[in-house]
Amino acid sequence: MRLLHTMLRVGNLQRSIDFYTQVLGMTLLRTSENPEYKYTLAFVGYGSNPEHAELELTYNWGVDHYELGTAYGHIALAVPDAHAACAKIKAAGGNVTREAGPVKGGSTVIAFVTDPDGYKIELIQRPESA
């Protein structure tokens, strides 16, 4: 078995595509529409299946926001330098909600970003991810 994708419901598909491609540097891999069931999908990622897991952004026509609930945690991304990633994300208009620094009780450098729908994304500094 392998992880293929994670699906996130979004309130504005283009806004989410712009965030994940322009702010986080992912690529729009493909889109599809299903008029019969009134939804549109956009898959983004740093590569495509099967080598890379993808994010499936689902826009249900006419729904502009969702309650995230308390079960969702975050998506994690490896970055070579969390401080530089935060600066780049801010410069692109992204929302850094926790500046880069050591995780509580440890030494791993992390940061958090929030996407336009409120989903949290953890940046984990791993120099080998360059």
N, C-alpha and C. Protein backbone atom coordinates (compact mmCIF):
# COMPACT_ATOMS: atom_id res chain seq x y z
N MET A 1 0.84 -1.19 0.00
CA MET A 1 0.00 0.00 0.00
C MET A 1 0.87 1.24 0.00
N ARG A 2 0.31 2.32 -0.52
CA ARG A 2 1.01 3.60 -0.51
C ARG A 2 -0.01 4.72 -0.45
N LEU A 3 0.39 5.84 0.13
CA LEU A 3 -0.47 7.01 0.22
C LEU A 3 -0.53 7.67 -1.15
N LEU A 4 -1.74 7.86 -1.69
CA LEU A 4 -1.89 8.48 -3.00
C LEU A 4 -2.23 9.96 -2.92
N HIS A 5 -3.25 10.30 -2.13
CA HIS A 5 -3.61 11.71 -1.99
C HIS A 5 -4.40 11.95 -0.71
N THR A 6 -4.47 13.22 -0.37
CA THR A 6 -5.32 13.69 0.72
C THR A 6 -6.30 14.67 0.10
N MET A 7 -7.58 14.56 0.46
CA MET A 7 -8.60 15.44 -0.10
C MET A 7 -8.97 16.52 0.91
N LEU A 8 -9.01 17.75 0.42
CA LEU A 8 -9.46 18.89 1.22
C LEU A 8 -10.62 19.55 0.50
N ARG A 9 -11.71 19.80 1.21
CA ARG A 9 -12.82 20.55 0.63
C ARG A 9 -12.51 22.04 0.75
N VAL A 10 -12.67 22.76 -0.35
CA VAL A 10 -12.31 24.18 -0.38
C VAL A 10 -13.51 25.03 -0.80
N GLY A 11 -13.53 26.26 -0.32
CA GLY A 11 -14.64 27.17 -0.60
C GLY A 11 -14.49 27.97 -1.87
N ASN A 12 -13.27 28.09 -2.38
CA ASN A 12 -13.01 28.83 -3.61
C ASN A 12 -11.85 28.11 -4.29
N LEU A 13 -12.15 27.40 -5.36
CA LEU A 13 -11.14 26.53 -5.97
C LEU A 13 -9.95 27.32 -6.51
N GLN A 14 -10.20 28.41 -7.22
CA GLN A 14 -9.08 29.15 -7.79
C GLN A 14 -8.20 29.75 -6.71
N ARG A 15 -8.81 30.26 -5.65
CA ARG A 15 -8.03 30.81 -4.53
C ARG A 15 -7.12 29.73 -3.93
N SER A 16 -7.64 28.52 -3.78
CA SER A 16 -6.84 27.42 -3.23
C SER A 16 -5.76 26.97 -4.19
N ILE A 17 -6.08 26.87 -5.47
CA ILE A 17 -5.06 26.53 -6.47
C ILE A 17 -3.94 27.56 -6.42
N ASP A 18 -4.31 28.84 -6.38
CA ASP A 18 -3.30 29.91 -6.33
C ASP A 18 -2.43 29.78 -5.09
N PHE A 19 -3.02 29.50 -3.94
CA PHE A 19 -2.24 29.35 -2.71
C PHE A 19 -1.25 28.20 -2.83
N TYR A 20 -1.72 27.04 -3.20
CA TYR A 20 -0.85 25.86 -3.23
C TYR A 20 0.21 25.95 -4.34
N THR A 21 -0.10 26.62 -5.45
CA THR A 21 0.89 26.73 -6.53
C THR A 21 1.79 27.95 -6.36
N GLN A 22 1.21 29.11 -6.09
CA GLN A 22 1.99 30.34 -6.03
C GLN A 22 2.67 30.57 -4.69
N VAL A 23 2.04 30.16 -3.60
CA VAL A 23 2.62 30.39 -2.27
C VAL A 23 3.47 29.21 -1.82
N LEU A 24 2.98 27.98 -2.03
CA LEU A 24 3.73 26.80 -1.58
C LEU A 24 4.53 26.12 -2.70
N GLY A 25 4.42 26.60 -3.92
CA GLY A 25 5.26 26.11 -5.00
C GLY A 25 4.88 24.76 -5.58
N MET A 26 3.66 24.30 -5.33
CA MET A 26 3.20 23.05 -5.93
C MET A 26 2.84 23.30 -7.39
N THR A 27 2.57 22.23 -8.11
CA THR A 27 2.16 22.30 -9.50
C THR A 27 0.71 21.83 -9.59
N LEU A 28 -0.07 22.51 -10.41
CA LEU A 28 -1.42 22.03 -10.71
C LEU A 28 -1.26 20.85 -11.66
N LEU A 29 -1.61 19.66 -11.20
CA LEU A 29 -1.38 18.43 -11.96
C LEU A 29 -2.51 18.10 -12.92
N ARG A 30 -3.75 18.30 -12.48
CA ARG A 30 -4.90 18.04 -13.34
C ARG A 30 -6.17 18.54 -12.65
N THR A 31 -7.21 18.75 -13.45
CA THR A 31 -8.52 19.13 -12.93
C THR A 31 -9.58 18.29 -13.62
N SER A 32 -10.72 18.17 -12.96
CA SER A 32 -11.86 17.50 -13.60
C SER A 32 -13.14 18.07 -13.00
N GLU A 33 -14.18 18.13 -13.83
CA GLU A 33 -15.48 18.62 -13.39
C GLU A 33 -16.49 17.51 -13.48
N ASN A 34 -17.43 17.52 -12.56
CA ASN A 34 -18.53 16.57 -12.59
C ASN A 34 -19.83 17.36 -12.47
N PRO A 35 -20.35 17.85 -13.61
CA PRO A 35 -21.58 18.67 -13.58
C PRO A 35 -22.78 17.93 -13.00
N GLU A 36 -22.88 16.64 -13.23
CA GLU A 36 -24.03 15.89 -12.72
C GLU A 36 -24.12 15.96 -11.20
N TYR A 37 -22.95 15.88 -10.53
CA TYR A 37 -22.92 15.91 -9.06
C TYR A 37 -22.42 17.24 -8.50
N LYS A 38 -22.18 18.20 -9.40
CA LYS A 38 -21.87 19.58 -9.04
C LYS A 38 -20.62 19.72 -8.18
N TYR A 39 -19.51 19.18 -8.66
CA TYR A 39 -18.24 19.40 -7.99
C TYR A 39 -17.11 19.46 -9.01
N THR A 40 -16.02 20.11 -8.61
CA THR A 40 -14.82 20.20 -9.42
C THR A 40 -13.64 19.78 -8.57
N LEU A 41 -12.72 19.02 -9.17
CA LEU A 41 -11.52 18.57 -8.48
C LEU A 41 -10.29 19.20 -9.11
N ALA A 42 -9.32 19.53 -8.28
CA ALA A 42 -8.00 19.97 -8.75
C ALA A 42 -6.97 19.22 -7.93
N PHE A 43 -6.02 18.59 -8.60
CA PHE A 43 -4.95 17.87 -7.92
C PHE A 43 -3.68 18.69 -8.03
N VAL A 44 -3.03 18.94 -6.87
CA VAL A 44 -1.79 19.69 -6.82
C VAL A 44 -0.74 18.87 -6.08
N GLY A 45 0.53 19.17 -6.33
CA GLY A 45 1.59 18.47 -5.63
C GLY A 45 2.96 18.87 -6.14
N TYR A 46 3.96 18.26 -5.55
CA TYR A 46 5.35 18.50 -5.96
C TYR A 46 5.80 17.47 -6.98
N GLY A 47 4.92 16.63 -7.38
CA GLY A 47 5.12 15.58 -8.37
C GLY A 47 3.83 14.78 -8.35
N SER A 48 3.70 13.85 -9.28
CA SER A 48 2.44 13.12 -9.35
C SER A 48 2.62 11.67 -8.96
N ASN A 49 1.49 11.03 -8.76
CA ASN A 49 1.47 9.60 -8.43
C ASN A 49 2.12 8.81 -9.56
N PRO A 50 2.79 7.73 -9.29
CA PRO A 50 2.88 7.11 -7.98
C PRO A 50 4.10 7.54 -7.15
N GLU A 51 4.97 8.38 -7.71
CA GLU A 51 6.18 8.76 -6.98
C GLU A 51 5.91 9.72 -5.83
N HIS A 52 4.88 10.53 -5.94
CA HIS A 52 4.58 11.55 -4.94
C HIS A 52 3.10 11.51 -4.56
N ALA A 53 2.81 11.77 -3.30
CA ALA A 53 1.43 11.94 -2.88
C ALA A 53 0.94 13.30 -3.36
N GLU A 54 -0.35 13.41 -3.58
CA GLU A 54 -0.94 14.64 -4.10
C GLU A 54 -1.99 15.16 -3.11
N LEU A 55 -2.38 16.42 -3.29
CA LEU A 55 -3.54 16.98 -2.59
C LEU A 55 -4.67 17.09 -3.60
N GLU A 56 -5.81 16.59 -3.23
CA GLU A 56 -7.01 16.72 -4.05
C GLU A 56 -7.84 17.84 -3.43
N LEU A 57 -8.00 18.93 -4.16
CA LEU A 57 -8.82 20.05 -3.72
C LEU A 57 -10.20 19.86 -4.33
N THR A 58 -11.22 19.73 -3.48
CA THR A 58 -12.57 19.48 -3.95
C THR A 58 -13.43 20.71 -3.70
N TYR A 59 -14.01 21.22 -4.79
CA TYR A 59 -14.95 22.34 -4.68
C TYR A 59 -16.34 21.82 -5.00
N ASN A 60 -17.20 21.81 -4.00
CA ASN A 60 -18.61 21.47 -4.18
C ASN A 60 -19.33 22.76 -4.54
N TRP A 61 -19.88 22.81 -5.74
CA TRP A 61 -20.46 24.03 -6.28
C TRP A 61 -21.44 24.66 -5.30
N GLY A 62 -21.24 25.95 -5.04
CA GLY A 62 -22.14 26.70 -4.19
C GLY A 62 -21.80 26.68 -2.71
N VAL A 63 -20.78 25.92 -2.32
CA VAL A 63 -20.38 25.86 -0.91
C VAL A 63 -19.11 26.70 -0.75
N ASP A 64 -19.19 27.79 0.01
CA ASP A 64 -18.03 28.69 0.09
C ASP A 64 -17.20 28.55 1.36
N HIS A 65 -17.62 27.71 2.30
CA HIS A 65 -16.77 27.46 3.48
C HIS A 65 -17.23 26.19 4.18
N TYR A 66 -16.34 25.66 5.00
CA TYR A 66 -16.59 24.43 5.76
C TYR A 66 -16.16 24.63 7.20
N GLU A 67 -16.79 23.91 8.11
CA GLU A 67 -16.34 23.85 9.48
C GLU A 67 -15.25 22.76 9.52
N LEU A 68 -14.08 23.11 10.01
CA LEU A 68 -12.98 22.15 9.99
C LEU A 68 -13.08 21.11 11.09
N GLY A 69 -13.80 21.41 12.14
CA GLY A 69 -13.93 20.44 13.23
C GLY A 69 -12.67 20.34 14.06
N THR A 70 -12.66 19.42 14.99
CA THR A 70 -11.52 19.28 15.88
C THR A 70 -10.67 18.06 15.57
N ALA A 71 -11.05 17.27 14.59
CA ALA A 71 -10.29 16.06 14.28
C ALA A 71 -9.10 16.34 13.34
N TYR A 72 -9.24 17.30 12.46
CA TYR A 72 -8.17 17.60 11.51
C TYR A 72 -6.98 18.22 12.24
N GLY A 73 -5.78 17.77 11.89
CA GLY A 73 -4.58 18.32 12.49
C GLY A 73 -3.85 19.21 11.50
N HIS A 74 -3.05 18.60 10.62
CA HIS A 74 -2.30 19.38 9.66
C HIS A 74 -1.70 18.46 8.60
N ILE A 75 -1.23 19.08 7.55
CA ILE A 75 -0.43 18.43 6.52
C ILE A 75 1.01 18.88 6.79
N ALA A 76 1.99 18.01 6.62
CA ALA A 76 3.39 18.37 6.87
C ALA A 76 4.18 18.37 5.56
N LEU A 77 5.03 19.39 5.41
CA LEU A 77 5.92 19.51 4.26
C LEU A 77 7.35 19.62 4.74
N ALA A 78 8.25 18.90 4.11
CA ALA A 78 9.68 19.04 4.41
C ALA A 78 10.21 20.25 3.65
N VAL A 79 11.00 21.07 4.34
CA VAL A 79 11.64 22.24 3.71
C VAL A 79 13.11 22.26 4.13
N PRO A 80 13.99 22.73 3.25
CA PRO A 80 15.41 22.75 3.63
C PRO A 80 15.73 23.79 4.70
N ASP A 81 14.96 24.89 4.75
CA ASP A 81 15.21 25.97 5.71
C ASP A 81 13.86 26.59 6.08
N ALA A 82 13.37 26.32 7.27
CA ALA A 82 12.04 26.79 7.68
C ALA A 82 11.97 28.31 7.75
N HIS A 83 13.05 28.97 8.19
CA HIS A 83 13.06 30.43 8.26
C HIS A 83 12.92 31.03 6.86
N ALA A 84 13.67 30.52 5.90
CA ALA A 84 13.61 31.01 4.52
C ALA A 84 12.25 30.71 3.91
N ALA A 85 11.70 29.53 4.20
CA ALA A 85 10.38 29.17 3.67
C ALA A 85 9.32 30.14 4.19
N CYS A 86 9.37 30.48 5.47
CA CYS A 86 8.41 31.43 6.03
C CYS A 86 8.52 32.80 5.36
N ALA A 87 9.73 33.26 5.15
CA ALA A 87 9.93 34.55 4.50
C ALA A 87 9.37 34.53 3.08
N LYS A 88 9.60 33.46 2.35
CA LYS A 88 9.10 33.34 0.99
C LYS A 88 7.58 33.26 0.97
N ILE A 89 7.00 32.53 1.89
CA ILE A 89 5.54 32.40 1.97
C ILE A 89 4.90 33.74 2.31
N LYS A 90 5.48 34.48 3.25
CA LYS A 90 4.96 35.81 3.60
C LYS A 90 5.04 36.75 2.40
N ALA A 91 6.17 36.71 1.69
CA ALA A 91 6.36 37.58 0.53
C ALA A 91 5.33 37.28 -0.56
N ALA A 92 4.86 36.03 -0.62
CA ALA A 92 3.87 35.63 -1.62
C ALA A 92 2.44 35.85 -1.13
N GLY A 93 2.29 36.42 0.09
CA GLY A 93 0.97 36.71 0.62
C GLY A 93 0.39 35.61 1.50
N GLY A 94 1.21 34.61 1.85
CA GLY A 94 0.74 33.53 2.71
C GLY A 94 0.68 33.93 4.17
N ASN A 95 -0.04 33.15 4.96
CA ASN A 95 -0.27 33.44 6.37
C ASN A 95 0.54 32.48 7.24
N VAL A 96 1.66 32.97 7.77
CA VAL A 96 2.48 32.18 8.69
C VAL A 96 1.89 32.37 10.07
N THR A 97 1.43 31.28 10.68
CA THR A 97 0.76 31.37 11.98
C THR A 97 1.66 30.96 13.13
N ARG A 98 2.78 30.35 12.83
CA ARG A 98 3.81 30.05 13.85
C ARG A 98 5.15 30.19 13.16
N GLU A 99 5.92 31.14 13.62
CA GLU A 99 7.24 31.37 13.03
C GLU A 99 8.15 30.17 13.23
N ALA A 100 9.15 30.06 12.40
CA ALA A 100 10.10 28.95 12.48
C ALA A 100 10.85 28.99 13.81
N GLY A 101 10.95 27.83 14.41
CA GLY A 101 11.67 27.69 15.67
C GLY A 101 11.58 26.25 16.14
N PRO A 102 12.30 25.91 17.20
CA PRO A 102 12.31 24.53 17.68
C PRO A 102 10.92 24.08 18.16
N VAL A 103 10.60 22.84 17.90
CA VAL A 103 9.36 22.25 18.40
C VAL A 103 9.45 22.19 19.93
N LYS A 104 8.32 22.34 20.60
CA LYS A 104 8.33 22.27 22.06
C LYS A 104 8.91 20.93 22.51
N GLY A 105 9.87 20.98 23.40
CA GLY A 105 10.47 19.77 23.94
C GLY A 105 11.46 19.09 23.02
N GLY A 106 11.87 19.77 21.95
CA GLY A 106 12.81 19.14 21.02
C GLY A 106 13.66 20.16 20.30
N SER A 107 14.37 19.72 19.30
CA SER A 107 15.25 20.62 18.57
C SER A 107 14.89 20.74 17.09
N THR A 108 13.95 19.94 16.60
CA THR A 108 13.54 20.04 15.20
C THR A 108 12.89 21.40 14.96
N VAL A 109 13.31 22.10 13.91
CA VAL A 109 12.77 23.42 13.59
C VAL A 109 11.51 23.23 12.74
N ILE A 110 10.42 23.84 13.21
CA ILE A 110 9.15 23.76 12.50
C ILE A 110 8.53 25.15 12.39
N ALA A 111 7.53 25.26 11.55
CA ALA A 111 6.71 26.47 11.43
C ALA A 111 5.33 26.01 10.97
N PHE A 112 4.36 26.90 11.07
CA PHE A 112 3.02 26.58 10.60
C PHE A 112 2.50 27.70 9.70
N VAL A 113 1.79 27.29 8.67
CA VAL A 113 1.14 28.17 7.71
C VAL A 113 -0.32 27.76 7.68
N THR A 114 -1.21 28.69 7.41
CA THR A 114 -2.62 28.37 7.27
C THR A 114 -3.05 28.73 5.86
N ASP A 115 -3.76 27.80 5.20
CA ASP A 115 -4.21 28.07 3.84
C ASP A 115 -5.48 28.92 3.88
N PRO A 116 -5.99 29.36 2.71
CA PRO A 116 -7.15 30.25 2.70
C PRO A 116 -8.42 29.68 3.34
N ASP A 117 -8.53 28.37 3.45
CA ASP A 117 -9.70 27.75 4.07
C ASP A 117 -9.48 27.42 5.54
N GLY A 118 -8.31 27.75 6.07
CA GLY A 118 -8.02 27.51 7.47
C GLY A 118 -7.29 26.21 7.77
N TYR A 119 -6.95 25.43 6.74
CA TYR A 119 -6.20 24.20 6.97
C TYR A 119 -4.77 24.54 7.37
N LYS A 120 -4.25 23.84 8.36
CA LYS A 120 -2.89 24.08 8.85
C LYS A 120 -1.90 23.22 8.08
N ILE A 121 -0.74 23.81 7.79
CA ILE A 121 0.34 23.13 7.10
C ILE A 121 1.60 23.34 7.92
N GLU A 122 2.20 22.24 8.34
CA GLU A 122 3.43 22.30 9.12
C GLU A 122 4.62 22.24 8.17
N LEU A 123 5.58 23.11 8.39
CA LEU A 123 6.85 23.08 7.66
C LEU A 123 7.88 22.49 8.60
N ILE A 124 8.50 21.41 8.19
CA ILE A 124 9.50 20.74 9.02
C ILE A 124 10.85 20.89 8.34
N GLN A 125 11.79 21.51 9.04
CA GLN A 125 13.11 21.75 8.45
C GLN A 125 13.88 20.45 8.35
N ARG A 126 14.22 20.09 7.13
CA ARG A 126 15.04 18.92 6.83
C ARG A 126 15.98 19.33 5.71
N PRO A 127 17.21 19.68 6.06
CA PRO A 127 18.14 20.18 5.05
C PRO A 127 18.31 19.24 3.85
N GLU A 128 18.12 17.95 4.05
CA GLU A 128 18.28 17.00 2.95
C GLU A 128 17.14 17.08 1.95
N SER A 129 16.08 17.88 2.24
CA SER A 129 14.94 17.97 1.34
C SER A 129 15.19 18.97 0.21
N ALA A 130 16.35 19.60 0.21
CA ALA A 130 16.64 20.60 -0.82
C ALA A 130 16.69 19.99 -2.22
